[in-house]
C-alpha atoms as a PDB file:
ATOM      1  CA  UNK A   1       6.676 -75.267  36.431  1.00  0.00           C
ATOM      2  CA  UNK A   2       3.783 -73.810  38.373  1.00  0.00           C
ATOM      3  CA  UNK A   3       5.863 -70.772  39.238  1.00  0.00           C
ATOM      4  CA  UNK A   4       6.956 -70.279  35.668  1.00  0.00           C
ATOM      5  CA  UNK A   5       3.398 -70.491  34.385  1.00  0.00           C
ATOM      6  CA  UNK A   6       2.289 -67.987  36.985  1.00  0.00           C
ATOM      7  CA  UNK A   7       5.058 -65.643  36.015  1.00  0.00           C
ATOM      8  CA  UNK A   8       4.118 -65.929  32.340  1.00  0.00           C
ATOM      9  CA  UNK A   9       0.480 -65.188  33.150  1.00  0.00           C
ATOM     10  CA  UNK A  10       1.426 -62.201  35.251  1.00  0.00           C
ATOM     11  CA  UNK A  11       3.672 -60.874  32.466  1.00  0.00           C
ATOM     12  CA  UNK A  12       0.850 -61.268  29.973  1.00  0.00           C
ATOM     13  CA  UNK A  13      -1.519 -59.386  32.274  1.00  0.00           C
ATOM     14  CA  UNK A  14       1.080 -56.672  32.790  1.00  0.00           C
ATOM     15  CA  UNK A  15       1.622 -56.352  29.036  1.00  0.00           C
ATOM     16  CA  UNK A  16      -2.127 -56.061  28.485  1.00  0.00           C
ATOM     17  CA  UNK A  17      -2.308 -53.435  31.186  1.00  0.00           C
ATOM     18  CA  UNK A  18       0.541 -51.413  29.746  1.00  0.00           C
ATOM     19  CA  UNK A  19      -1.017 -51.731  26.267  1.00  0.00           C
ATOM     20  CA  UNK A  20      -4.273 -50.256  27.542  1.00  0.00           C
ATOM     21  CA  UNK A  21      -2.370 -47.527  29.374  1.00  0.00           C
ATOM     22  CA  UNK A  22      -0.498 -46.678  26.145  1.00  0.00           C
ATOM     23  CA  UNK A  23      -3.707 -46.484  24.134  1.00  0.00           C
ATOM     24  CA  UNK A  24      -5.370 -44.095  26.597  1.00  0.00           C
ATOM     25  CA  UNK A  25      -2.796 -41.273  26.184  1.00  0.00           C
ATOM     26  CA  UNK A  26      -2.950 -41.731  22.425  1.00  0.00           C
ATOM     27  CA  UNK A  27      -6.722 -41.314  22.470  1.00  0.00           C
ATOM     28  CA  UNK A  28      -6.349 -38.267  24.698  1.00  0.00           C
ATOM     29  CA  UNK A  29      -3.773 -36.761  22.347  1.00  0.00           C
ATOM     30  CA  UNK A  30      -6.040 -37.369  19.357  1.00  0.00           C
ATOM     31  CA  UNK A  31      -8.985 -35.776  21.165  1.00  0.00           C
ATOM     32  CA  UNK A  32      -6.819 -32.815  22.192  1.00  0.00           C
ATOM     33  CA  UNK A  33      -5.530 -32.455  18.632  1.00  0.00           C
ATOM     34  CA  UNK A  34      -9.069 -32.544  17.237  1.00  0.00           C
ATOM     35  CA  UNK A  35     -10.140 -29.884  19.747  1.00  0.00           C
ATOM     36  CA  UNK A  36      -7.198 -27.670  18.714  1.00  0.00           C
ATOM     37  CA  UNK A  37      -8.082 -28.052  15.026  1.00  0.00           C
ATOM     38  CA  UNK A  38     -11.734 -27.192  15.680  1.00  0.00           C
ATOM     39  CA  UNK A  39     -10.695 -24.170  17.761  1.00  0.00           C
ATOM     40  CA  UNK A  40      -8.330 -22.989  15.008  1.00  0.00           C
ATOM     41  CA  UNK A  41     -11.032 -23.312  12.348  1.00  0.00           C
ATOM     42  CA  UNK A  42     -13.471 -21.518  14.634  1.00  0.00           C
ATOM     43  CA  UNK A  43     -11.057 -18.617  15.044  1.00  0.00           C
ATOM     44  CA  UNK A  44     -10.315 -18.489  11.304  1.00  0.00           C
ATOM     45  CA  UNK A  45     -13.968 -18.640  10.294  1.00  0.00           C
ATOM     46  CA  UNK A  46     -14.796 -14.934  10.966  1.00  0.00           C
ATOM     47  CA  UNK A  47     -11.702 -13.803   9.031  1.00  0.00           C
ATOM     48  CA  UNK A  48     -12.549 -16.178   6.182  1.00  0.00           C
ATOM     49  CA  UNK A  49     -16.119 -14.865   6.156  1.00  0.00           C
ATOM     50  CA  UNK A  50     -14.972 -11.237   5.925  1.00  0.00           C
ATOM     51  CA  UNK A  51     -12.394 -12.109   3.250  1.00  0.00           C
ATOM     52  CA  UNK A  52     -15.032 -13.923   1.239  1.00  0.00           C
ATOM     53  CA  UNK A  53     -17.558 -11.128   1.658  1.00  0.00           C
ATOM     54  CA  UNK A  54     -15.318  -8.110   1.164  1.00  0.00           C
ATOM     55  CA  UNK A  55     -12.534  -9.397  -1.112  1.00  0.00           C
ATOM     56  CA  UNK A  56     -13.360 -12.467  -3.164  1.00  0.00           C
ATOM     57  CA  UNK A  57     -17.037 -11.798  -3.916  1.00  0.00           C
ATOM     58  CA  UNK A  58     -16.474  -8.160  -5.055  1.00  0.00           C
ATOM     59  CA  UNK A  59     -13.688  -9.336  -7.386  1.00  0.00           C
ATOM     60  CA  UNK A  60     -15.939 -12.048  -8.789  1.00  0.00           C
ATOM     61  CA  UNK A  61     -18.797  -9.543  -9.084  1.00  0.00           C
ATOM     62  CA  UNK A  62     -16.578  -7.051 -10.919  1.00  0.00           C
ATOM     63  CA  UNK A  63     -15.581  -9.715 -13.429  1.00  0.00           C
ATOM     64  CA  UNK A  64     -19.213 -10.712 -14.020  1.00  0.00           C
ATOM     65  CA  UNK A  65     -20.358  -7.087 -14.418  1.00  0.00           C
ATOM     66  CA  UNK A  66     -17.518  -6.484 -16.904  1.00  0.00           C
ATOM     67  CA  UNK A  67     -19.296  -8.910 -19.250  1.00  0.00           C
ATOM     68  CA  UNK A  68     -22.393  -6.673 -19.379  1.00  0.00           C
ATOM     69  CA  UNK A  69     -23.330  -3.292 -20.777  1.00  0.00           C
ATOM     70  CA  UNK A  70     -25.016  -1.560 -17.846  1.00  0.00           C
ATOM     71  CA  UNK A  71     -25.705   1.995 -16.729  1.00  0.00           C
ATOM     72  CA  UNK A  72     -25.605   1.052 -13.038  1.00  0.00           C
ATOM     73  CA  UNK A  73     -29.177   2.175 -12.350  1.00  0.00           C
ATOM     74  CA  UNK A  74     -31.647  -0.522 -13.343  1.00  0.00           C
ATOM     75  CA  UNK A  75     -30.610  -4.162 -13.384  1.00  0.00           C
ATOM     76  CA  UNK A  76     -33.193  -4.802 -16.096  1.00  0.00           C
ATOM     77  CA  UNK A  77     -31.241  -2.515 -18.448  1.00  0.00           C
ATOM     78  CA  UNK A  78     -28.127  -4.723 -18.286  1.00  0.00           C
ATOM     79  CA  UNK A  79     -27.373  -6.649 -21.466  1.00  0.00           C
ATOM     80  CA  UNK A  80     -24.800  -9.418 -21.806  1.00  0.00           C
ATOM     81  CA  UNK A  81     -22.085  -8.512 -24.320  1.00  0.00           C
ATOM     82  CA  UNK A  82     -19.355 -11.009 -23.392  1.00  0.00           C
ATOM     83  CA  UNK A  83     -15.817  -9.723 -23.848  1.00  0.00           C
ATOM     84  CA  UNK A  84     -16.816  -6.679 -25.909  1.00  0.00           C
ATOM     85  CA  UNK A  85     -15.764  -4.289 -23.113  1.00  0.00           C
ATOM     86  CA  UNK A  86     -12.268  -5.787 -23.109  1.00  0.00           C
ATOM     87  CA  UNK A  87     -12.048  -5.538 -26.904  1.00  0.00           C
ATOM     88  CA  UNK A  88     -13.130  -1.906 -26.650  1.00  0.00           C
ATOM     89  CA  UNK A  89     -10.427  -1.250 -24.050  1.00  0.00           C
ATOM     90  CA  UNK A  90      -7.755  -2.486 -26.457  1.00  0.00           C
ATOM     91  CA  UNK A  91      -8.858   0.179 -28.959  1.00  0.00           C
ATOM     92  CA  UNK A  92      -9.336   2.951 -26.361  1.00  0.00           C
ATOM     93  CA  UNK A  93      -6.561   5.598 -26.589  1.00  0.00           C
ATOM     94  CA  UNK A  94      -7.499   7.096 -23.201  1.00  0.00           C
ATOM     95  CA  UNK A  95      -6.969   3.715 -21.527  1.00  0.00           C
ATOM     96  CA  UNK A  96      -3.496   3.406 -23.033  1.00  0.00           C
ATOM     97  CA  UNK A  97      -2.565   6.971 -22.098  1.00  0.00           C
ATOM     98  CA  UNK A  98      -3.770   6.280 -18.533  1.00  0.00           C
ATOM     99  CA  UNK A  99      -1.674   3.110 -18.431  1.00  0.00           C
ATOM    100  CA  UNK A 100       1.355   5.048 -19.700  1.00  0.00           C
ATOM    101  CA  UNK A 101       0.772   7.616 -16.949  1.00  0.00           C
ATOM    102  CA  UNK A 102       0.704   4.819 -14.364  1.00  0.00           C
ATOM    103  CA  UNK A 103       3.976   3.467 -15.751  1.00  0.00           C
ATOM    104  CA  UNK A 104       5.466   6.978 -15.628  1.00  0.00           C
ATOM    105  CA  UNK A 105       4.427   7.307 -11.981  1.00  0.00           C
ATOM    106  CA  UNK A 106       5.831   3.848 -11.222  1.00  0.00           C
ATOM    107  CA  UNK A 107       9.208   4.650 -12.798  1.00  0.00           C
ATOM    108  CA  UNK A 108       9.347   7.984 -10.957  1.00  0.00           C
ATOM    109  CA  UNK A 109       8.569   6.214  -7.679  1.00  0.00           C
ATOM    110  CA  UNK A 110      11.352   3.661  -8.227  1.00  0.00           C
ATOM    111  CA  UNK A 111      13.948   6.268  -9.221  1.00  0.00           C
ATOM    112  CA  UNK A 112      13.119   9.264  -7.033  1.00  0.00           C
ATOM    113  CA  UNK A 113      11.060   7.932  -4.121  1.00  0.00           C
ATOM    114  CA  UNK A 114      13.020   4.736  -3.477  1.00  0.00           C
ATOM    115  CA  UNK A 115      16.375   6.275  -4.404  1.00  0.00           C
ATOM    116  CA  UNK A 116      15.725   9.399  -2.355  1.00  0.00           C
ATOM    117  CA  UNK A 117      14.423   7.358   0.572  1.00  0.00           C
ATOM    118  CA  UNK A 118      17.594   5.246   0.620  1.00  0.00           C
ATOM    119  CA  UNK A 119      19.761   8.375   0.505  1.00  0.00           C
ATOM    120  CA  UNK A 120      17.838   9.968   3.388  1.00  0.00           C
ATOM    121  CA  UNK A 121      17.974   6.737   5.398  1.00  0.00           C
ATOM    122  CA  UNK A 122      21.742   6.463   4.838  1.00  0.00           C
ATOM    123  CA  UNK A 123      22.264  10.066   5.989  1.00  0.00           C
ATOM    124  CA  UNK A 124      20.166   9.545   9.123  1.00  0.00           C
ATOM    125  CA  UNK A 125      21.811   6.170   9.802  1.00  0.00           C
ATOM    126  CA  UNK A 126      25.228   7.831   9.629  1.00  0.00           C
ATOM    127  CA  UNK A 127      24.307   9.649  12.843  1.00  0.00           C
ATOM    128  CA  UNK A 128      24.305  13.278  11.724  1.00  0.00           C
ATOM    129  CA  UNK A 129      23.201  15.893  14.231  1.00  0.00           C
ATOM    130  CA  UNK A 130      19.456  16.449  14.237  1.00  0.00           C
ATOM    131  CA  UNK A 131      18.730  13.054  12.659  1.00  0.00           C
ATOM    132  CA  UNK A 132      15.591  12.633  14.757  1.00  0.00           C
ATOM    133  CA  UNK A 133      14.226  15.970  13.527  1.00  0.00           C
ATOM    134  CA  UNK A 134      14.909  15.009   9.903  1.00  0.00           C
ATOM    135  CA  UNK A 135      13.108  11.713  10.446  1.00  0.00           C
ATOM    136  CA  UNK A 136      10.021  13.467  11.822  1.00  0.00           C
ATOM    137  CA  UNK A 137      10.010  16.109   9.075  1.00  0.00           C
ATOM    138  CA  UNK A 138      10.188  13.591   6.230  1.00  0.00           C
ATOM    139  CA  UNK A 139       7.715  11.178   7.828  1.00  0.00           C
ATOM    140  CA  UNK A 140       5.120  13.860   8.667  1.00  0.00           C
ATOM    141  CA  UNK A 141       3.452  13.866   5.188  1.00  0.00           C
ATOM    142  CA  UNK A 142       2.774  10.120   5.549  1.00  0.00           C
ATOM    143  CA  UNK A 143       0.362  10.688   8.444  1.00  0.00           C
ATOM    144  CA  UNK A 144      -1.259  13.799   6.956  1.00  0.00           C
ATOM    145  CA  UNK A 145      -4.571  13.337   5.162  1.00  0.00           C
ATOM    146  CA  UNK A 146      -4.335  13.120   1.366  1.00  0.00           C
ATOM    147  CA  UNK A 147      -6.987  15.830   1.099  1.00  0.00           C
ATOM    148  CA  UNK A 148      -5.050  18.228   3.336  1.00  0.00           C
ATOM    149  CA  UNK A 149      -1.808  17.511   1.510  1.00  0.00           C
ATOM    150  CA  UNK A 150      -3.564  17.922  -1.844  1.00  0.00           C
ATOM    151  CA  UNK A 151      -4.956  21.321  -0.855  1.00  0.00           C
ATOM    152  CA  UNK A 152      -1.478  22.396   0.236  1.00  0.00           C
ATOM    153  CA  UNK A 153      -0.080  21.229  -3.115  1.00  0.00           C
ATOM    154  CA  UNK A 154      -2.785  23.188  -4.976  1.00  0.00           C
ATOM    155  CA  UNK A 155      -1.655  26.293  -3.087  1.00  0.00           C
ATOM    156  CA  UNK A 156       2.004  25.629  -3.925  1.00  0.00           C
ATOM    157  CA  UNK A 157       1.287  25.059  -7.638  1.00  0.00           C
ATOM    158  CA  UNK A 158      -1.235  27.894  -7.992  1.00  0.00           C
ATOM    159  CA  UNK A 159      -0.346  30.099 -11.016  1.00  0.00           C
ATOM    160  CA  UNK A 160      -1.332  33.341  -9.261  1.00  0.00           C
ATOM    161  CA  UNK A 161      -0.573  32.981  -5.540  1.00  0.00           C
ATOM    162  CA  UNK A 162       1.514  29.798  -5.536  1.00  0.00           C
ATOM    163  CA  UNK A 163       4.868  29.781  -3.778  1.00  0.00           C
ATOM    164  CA  UNK A 164       6.638  28.110  -6.713  1.00  0.00           C
ATOM    165  CA  UNK A 165       5.733  30.822  -9.225  1.00  0.00           C
ATOM    166  CA  UNK A 166       6.364  33.508  -6.597  1.00  0.00           C
ATOM    167  CA  UNK A 167       9.860  32.096  -6.058  1.00  0.00           C
ATOM    168  CA  UNK A 168      10.542  32.036  -9.813  1.00  0.00           C
ATOM    169  CA  UNK A 169       9.405  35.645 -10.168  1.00  0.00           C
ATOM    170  CA  UNK A 170      11.485  36.590  -7.138  1.00  0.00           C
ATOM    171  CA  UNK A 171      14.698  35.314  -8.735  1.00  0.00           C
ATOM    172  CA  UNK A 172      13.962  37.121 -12.023  1.00  0.00           C
ATOM    173  CA  UNK A 173      12.750  34.036 -13.907  1.00  0.00           C
ATOM    174  CA  UNK A 174       9.109  34.931 -14.597  1.00  0.00           C
ATOM    175  CA  UNK A 175       9.256  33.102 -17.924  1.00  0.00           C
ATOM    176  CA  UNK A 176       9.506  29.774 -16.070  1.00  0.00           C
ATOM    177  CA  UNK A 177       6.289  30.387 -14.126  1.00  0.00           C
ATOM    178  CA  UNK A 178       3.608  27.969 -15.312  1.00  0.00           C
ATOM    179  CA  UNK A 179      -0.026  27.081 -14.682  1.00  0.00           C
ATOM    180  CA  UNK A 180       1.358  23.801 -13.352  1.00  0.00           C
ATOM    181  CA  UNK A 181      -1.874  21.919 -12.706  1.00  0.00           C
ATOM    182  CA  UNK A 182      -3.577  23.336 -15.803  1.00  0.00           C
ATOM    183  CA  UNK A 183      -0.832  22.371 -18.231  1.00  0.00           C
ATOM    184  CA  UNK A 184      -1.009  19.138 -20.189  1.00  0.00           C
ATOM    185  CA  UNK A 185       2.795  18.929 -19.926  1.00  0.00           C
ATOM    186  CA  UNK A 186       3.324  19.701 -16.231  1.00  0.00           C
ATOM    187  CA  UNK A 187       0.112  18.391 -14.620  1.00  0.00           C
ATOM    188  CA  UNK A 188       1.294  14.791 -14.267  1.00  0.00           C
ATOM    189  CA  UNK A 189       4.809  15.716 -13.017  1.00  0.00           C
ATOM    190  CA  UNK A 190       3.163  17.973 -10.410  1.00  0.00           C
ATOM    191  CA  UNK A 191       1.013  15.034  -9.283  1.00  0.00           C
ATOM    192  CA  UNK A 192       4.099  12.796  -9.125  1.00  0.00           C
ATOM    193  CA  UNK A 193       5.999  15.332  -7.002  1.00  0.00           C
ATOM    194  CA  UNK A 194       3.085  15.526  -4.554  1.00  0.00           C
ATOM    195  CA  UNK A 195       2.698  11.744  -4.450  1.00  0.00           C
ATOM    196  CA  UNK A 196       6.409  11.168  -3.777  1.00  0.00           C
ATOM    197  CA  UNK A 197       6.420  13.939  -1.172  1.00  0.00           C
ATOM    198  CA  UNK A 198       3.629  12.120   0.659  1.00  0.00           C
ATOM    199  CA  UNK A 199       5.186   8.632   0.558  1.00  0.00           C
ATOM    200  CA  UNK A 200       8.954   9.061   0.672  1.00  0.00           C
ATOM    201  CA  UNK A 201       8.959   9.108   4.482  1.00  0.00           C
ATOM    202  CA  UNK A 202       7.485   5.613   4.720  1.00  0.00           C
ATOM    203  CA  UNK A 203      10.078   4.186   2.326  1.00  0.00           C
ATOM    204  CA  UNK A 204      12.781   6.003   4.275  1.00  0.00           C
ATOM    205  CA  UNK A 205      11.749   4.290   7.527  1.00  0.00           C
ATOM    206  CA  UNK A 206      11.789   0.871   5.851  1.00  0.00           C
ATOM    207  CA  UNK A 207      15.282   1.491   4.480  1.00  0.00           C
ATOM    208  CA  UNK A 208      16.416   2.795   7.869  1.00  0.00           C
ATOM    209  CA  UNK A 209      15.150  -0.376   9.539  1.00  0.00           C
ATOM    210  CA  UNK A 210      16.999  -2.480   6.954  1.00  0.00           C
ATOM    211  CA  UNK A 211      20.254  -0.549   7.447  1.00  0.00           C
ATOM    212  CA  UNK A 212      20.097  -1.206  11.178  1.00  0.00           C
ATOM    213  CA  UNK A 213      20.144  -4.943  10.401  1.00  0.00           C
ATOM    214  CA  UNK A 214      23.563  -4.642   8.725  1.00  0.00           C
ATOM    215  CA  UNK A 215      26.201  -5.946  11.204  1.00  0.00           C
ATOM    216  CA  UNK A 216      28.556  -3.128  12.126  1.00  0.00           C
ATOM    217  CA  UNK A 217      31.415  -5.574  12.745  1.00  0.00           C
ATOM    218  CA  UNK A 218      31.511  -6.538   9.061  1.00  0.00           C
ATOM    219  CA  UNK A 219      31.757  -2.914   7.923  1.00  0.00           C
ATOM    220  CA  UNK A 220      34.446  -2.163  10.523  1.00  0.00           C
ATOM    221  CA  UNK A 221      36.448  -5.203   9.437  1.00  0.00           C
ATOM    222  CA  UNK A 222      36.190  -4.095   5.814  1.00  0.00           C
ATOM    223  CA  UNK A 223      37.448  -0.611   6.761  1.00  0.00           C
ATOM    224  CA  UNK A 224      40.390  -2.146   8.606  1.00  0.00           C
ATOM    225  CA  UNK A 225      41.206  -4.188   5.491  1.00  0.00           C
ATOM    226  CA  UNK A 226      41.338  -0.976   3.474  1.00  0.00           C
ATOM    227  CA  UNK A 227      37.939  -1.094   1.734  1.00  0.00           C
ATOM    228  CA  UNK A 228      36.477   2.232   0.656  1.00  0.00           C
ATOM    229  CA  UNK A 229      33.009   3.441   1.603  1.00  0.00           C
ATOM    230  CA  UNK A 230      31.851   2.815  -1.946  1.00  0.00           C
ATOM    231  CA  UNK A 231      33.129  -0.777  -1.842  1.00  0.00           C
ATOM    232  CA  UNK A 232      31.373  -1.385   1.484  1.00  0.00           C
ATOM    233  CA  UNK A 233      28.146   0.039   0.081  1.00  0.00           C
ATOM    234  CA  UNK A 234      28.135  -2.045  -3.121  1.00  0.00           C
ATOM    235  CA  UNK A 235      29.621  -5.293  -1.801  1.00  0.00           C
ATOM    236  CA  UNK A 236      28.304  -5.470   1.771  1.00  0.00           C
ATOM    237  CA  UNK A 237      25.382  -3.146   2.518  1.00  0.00           C
ATOM    238  CA  UNK A 238      23.357  -3.454  -0.684  1.00  0.00           C
ATOM    239  CA  UNK A 239      23.512  -7.287  -0.888  1.00  0.00           C
ATOM    240  CA  UNK A 240      22.307  -7.535   2.725  1.00  0.00           C
ATOM    241  CA  UNK A 241      19.366  -5.152   2.307  1.00  0.00           C
ATOM    242  CA  UNK A 242      18.512  -6.288  -1.247  1.00  0.00           C
ATOM    243  CA  UNK A 243      15.393  -8.334  -0.255  1.00  0.00           C
ATOM    244  CA  UNK A 244      14.035  -5.386   1.746  1.00  0.00           C
ATOM    245  CA  UNK A 245      14.830  -2.990  -1.094  1.00  0.00           C
ATOM    246  CA  UNK A 246      12.974  -5.242  -3.545  1.00  0.00           C
ATOM    247  CA  UNK A 247       9.905  -5.210  -1.283  1.00  0.00           C
ATOM    248  CA  UNK A 248      10.069  -1.407  -0.983  1.00  0.00           C
ATOM    249  CA  UNK A 249      10.293  -1.026  -4.766  1.00  0.00           C
ATOM    250  CA  UNK A 250       7.360  -3.379  -5.360  1.00  0.00           C
ATOM    251  CA  UNK A 251       5.256  -1.620  -2.713  1.00  0.00           C
ATOM    252  CA  UNK A 252       6.017   1.672  -4.450  1.00  0.00           C
ATOM    253  CA  UNK A 253       5.006   0.314  -7.866  1.00  0.00           C
ATOM    254  CA  UNK A 254       1.777  -1.151  -6.437  1.00  0.00           C
ATOM    255  CA  UNK A 255       0.938   2.185  -4.801  1.00  0.00           C
ATOM    256  CA  UNK A 256       1.616   3.903  -8.147  1.00  0.00           C
ATOM    257  CA  UNK A 257      -0.974   1.697  -9.873  1.00  0.00           C
ATOM    258  CA  UNK A 258      -3.459   2.272  -7.032  1.00  0.00           C
ATOM    259  CA  UNK A 259      -3.012   6.046  -7.250  1.00  0.00           C
ATOM    260  CA  UNK A 260      -6.328   7.918  -7.179  1.00  0.00           C
ATOM    261  CA  UNK A 261      -6.802  10.515  -4.442  1.00  0.00           C
ATOM    262  CA  UNK A 262      -3.798  12.709  -5.295  1.00  0.00           C
ATOM    263  CA  UNK A 263      -4.753  12.863  -8.986  1.00  0.00           C
ATOM    264  CA  UNK A 264      -8.431  13.473  -8.278  1.00  0.00           C
ATOM    265  CA  UNK A 265      -7.755  16.268  -5.770  1.00  0.00           C
ATOM    266  CA  UNK A 266      -5.139  18.084  -7.854  1.00  0.00           C
ATOM    267  CA  UNK A 267      -6.313  17.709 -11.465  1.00  0.00           C
ATOM    268  CA  UNK A 268      -9.288  15.284 -11.622  1.00  0.00           C
ATOM    269  CA  UNK A 269      -7.399  13.640 -14.486  1.00  0.00           C
ATOM    270  CA  UNK A 270      -7.207  16.777 -16.598  1.00  0.00           C
ATOM    271  CA  UNK A 271      -6.546  18.728 -18.601  1.00  0.00           C
ATOM    272  CA  UNK A 272      -7.987  16.587 -21.397  1.00  0.00           C
ATOM    273  CA  UNK A 273      -7.048  13.298 -19.651  1.00  0.00           C
ATOM    274  CA  UNK A 274      -3.374  14.365 -19.553  1.00  0.00           C
ATOM    275  CA  UNK A 275      -2.993  13.242 -15.919  1.00  0.00           C
ATOM    276  CA  UNK A 276      -5.538  10.405 -15.929  1.00  0.00           C
ATOM    277  CA  UNK A 277      -4.413   7.115 -14.410  1.00  0.00           C
ATOM    278  CA  UNK A 278      -6.249   3.799 -14.543  1.00  0.00           C
ATOM    279  CA  UNK A 279      -8.197   4.290 -11.314  1.00  0.00           C
ATOM    280  CA  UNK A 280      -9.366   7.800 -12.208  1.00  0.00           C
ATOM    281  CA  UNK A 281     -10.364   6.640 -15.701  1.00  0.00           C
ATOM    282  CA  UNK A 282     -12.220   3.727 -14.111  1.00  0.00           C
ATOM    283  CA  UNK A 283     -14.074   6.203 -11.887  1.00  0.00           C
ATOM    284  CA  UNK A 284     -14.903   8.493 -14.802  1.00  0.00           C
ATOM    285  CA  UNK A 285     -16.180   5.608 -16.929  1.00  0.00           C
ATOM    286  CA  UNK A 286     -18.219   3.825 -14.262  1.00  0.00           C
ATOM    287  CA  UNK A 287     -19.706   6.741 -12.311  1.00  0.00           C
ATOM    288  CA  UNK A 288     -19.458   9.891 -14.425  1.00  0.00           C
ATOM    289  CA  UNK A 289     -20.101   8.143 -17.740  1.00  0.00           C
ATOM    290  CA  UNK A 290     -22.581   5.522 -16.413  1.00  0.00           C
ATOM    291  CA  UNK A 291     -20.588   2.766 -18.153  1.00  0.00           C
ATOM    292  CA  UNK A 292     -20.427   0.425 -15.188  1.00  0.00           C
ATOM    293  CA  UNK A 293     -19.541  -2.647 -17.234  1.00  0.00           C
ATOM    294  CA  UNK A 294     -16.715  -0.833 -19.002  1.00  0.00           C
ATOM    295  CA  UNK A 295     -15.404   0.565 -15.722  1.00  0.00           C
ATOM    296  CA  UNK A 296     -15.403  -2.903 -14.166  1.00  0.00           C
ATOM    297  CA  UNK A 297     -13.482  -4.244 -17.173  1.00  0.00           C
ATOM    298  CA  UNK A 298     -10.795  -1.632 -16.476  1.00  0.00           C
ATOM    299  CA  UNK A 299     -10.888  -2.709 -12.833  1.00  0.00           C
ATOM    300  CA  UNK A 300     -10.340  -6.359 -13.774  1.00  0.00           C
ATOM    301  CA  UNK A 301      -7.266  -5.449 -15.839  1.00  0.00           C
ATOM    302  CA  UNK A 302      -5.971  -3.283 -12.995  1.00  0.00           C
ATOM    303  CA  UNK A 303      -6.538  -6.159 -10.554  1.00  0.00           C
ATOM    304  CA  UNK A 304      -4.481  -8.517 -12.722  1.00  0.00           C
ATOM    305  CA  UNK A 305      -1.608  -5.999 -12.899  1.00  0.00           C
ATOM    306  CA  UNK A 306      -1.572  -5.411  -9.129  1.00  0.00           C
ATOM    307  CA  UNK A 307      -1.966  -9.151  -8.457  1.00  0.00           C
ATOM    308  CA  UNK A 308       1.208  -9.895 -10.434  1.00  0.00           C
ATOM    309  CA  UNK A 309       3.176  -7.312  -8.446  1.00  0.00           C
ATOM    310  CA  UNK A 310       1.678  -8.632  -5.185  1.00  0.00           C
ATOM    311  CA  UNK A 311       2.903 -12.148  -6.015  1.00  0.00           C
ATOM    312  CA  UNK A 312       6.378 -10.738  -6.649  1.00  0.00           C
ATOM    313  CA  UNK A 313       6.207  -8.885  -3.324  1.00  0.00           C
ATOM    314  CA  UNK A 314       5.322 -12.110  -1.482  1.00  0.00           C
ATOM    315  CA  UNK A 315       8.227 -13.860  -3.189  1.00  0.00           C
ATOM    316  CA  UNK A 316      10.749 -11.234  -2.112  1.00  0.00           C
ATOM    317  CA  UNK A 317       9.227 -11.043   1.384  1.00  0.00           C
ATOM    318  CA  UNK A 318       9.757 -14.794   1.724  1.00  0.00           C
ATOM    319  CA  UNK A 319      13.331 -14.370   0.491  1.00  0.00           C
ATOM    320  CA  UNK A 320      13.873 -11.652   3.110  1.00  0.00           C
ATOM    321  CA  UNK A 321      12.571 -13.888   5.922  1.00  0.00           C
ATOM    322  CA  UNK A 322      14.769 -16.757   4.722  1.00  0.00           C
ATOM    323  CA  UNK A 323      17.851 -14.539   4.673  1.00  0.00           C
ATOM    324  CA  UNK A 324      17.362 -13.706   8.337  1.00  0.00           C
END
């Protein structure tokens, strides 16, 4: 009996000891976890500060200023008018023409930039001779300054010394020569051509990267089974790269709504607002016209439009990551 009681006491002491030993690692893990959380928040704090200071607060400030009539010079001259700027925008024909121009640019980007980029990527991916040279040539405008590219476009579209009109005169078609950037009909298409020329290389590289993710074994097996190139393209290649293609299209549409520098360098929105887009009209209203509140109201509407497309881009990006 004495031995059994001693053994029970020793077991109880051992169980207490093991219980204490189990609690110590748990406390250490909790302390380590707390330290990791504090370190993570400490590392995120600078980024959160910059985001708050340079993203969120300017957006909030733009919305607040859009509720005032202000010339942007003296704060004492600002008067609260509520949503009057937004009601004025609804009745502003220049705003609607600028929005239509943005939509025109967006459609042109989807059809010509994205479609042309996919075609170029497919040609390069097919392994033609000189593919590396083609890749460099088409990507070069992406890394060139917008100002330099705009000045080159002005030279190309010049009515007197421009290469386009010189080519038309050289092939006995002088009647087709136009003052491209000074025409209310051709100014916006000229801007679109320059904009696509500058950005098609970036879309091409994205498509080329997506095409390299397509398993070659699947395409070879389809060829062995007698599938045509068109069938492989529509039933194998396009479904695989569809999430990437959706992201490329949305990025192109977002860039079309953010368009400013190309328009401002080539036409400054003219002639007679024929090539104005939302950002150039915002600039004209806020800075040239001293209607800072009205310009910020346009900016708020533009932010909402781009925000919707950004949400769609995140959705398709998540779908792309899930597919891989």
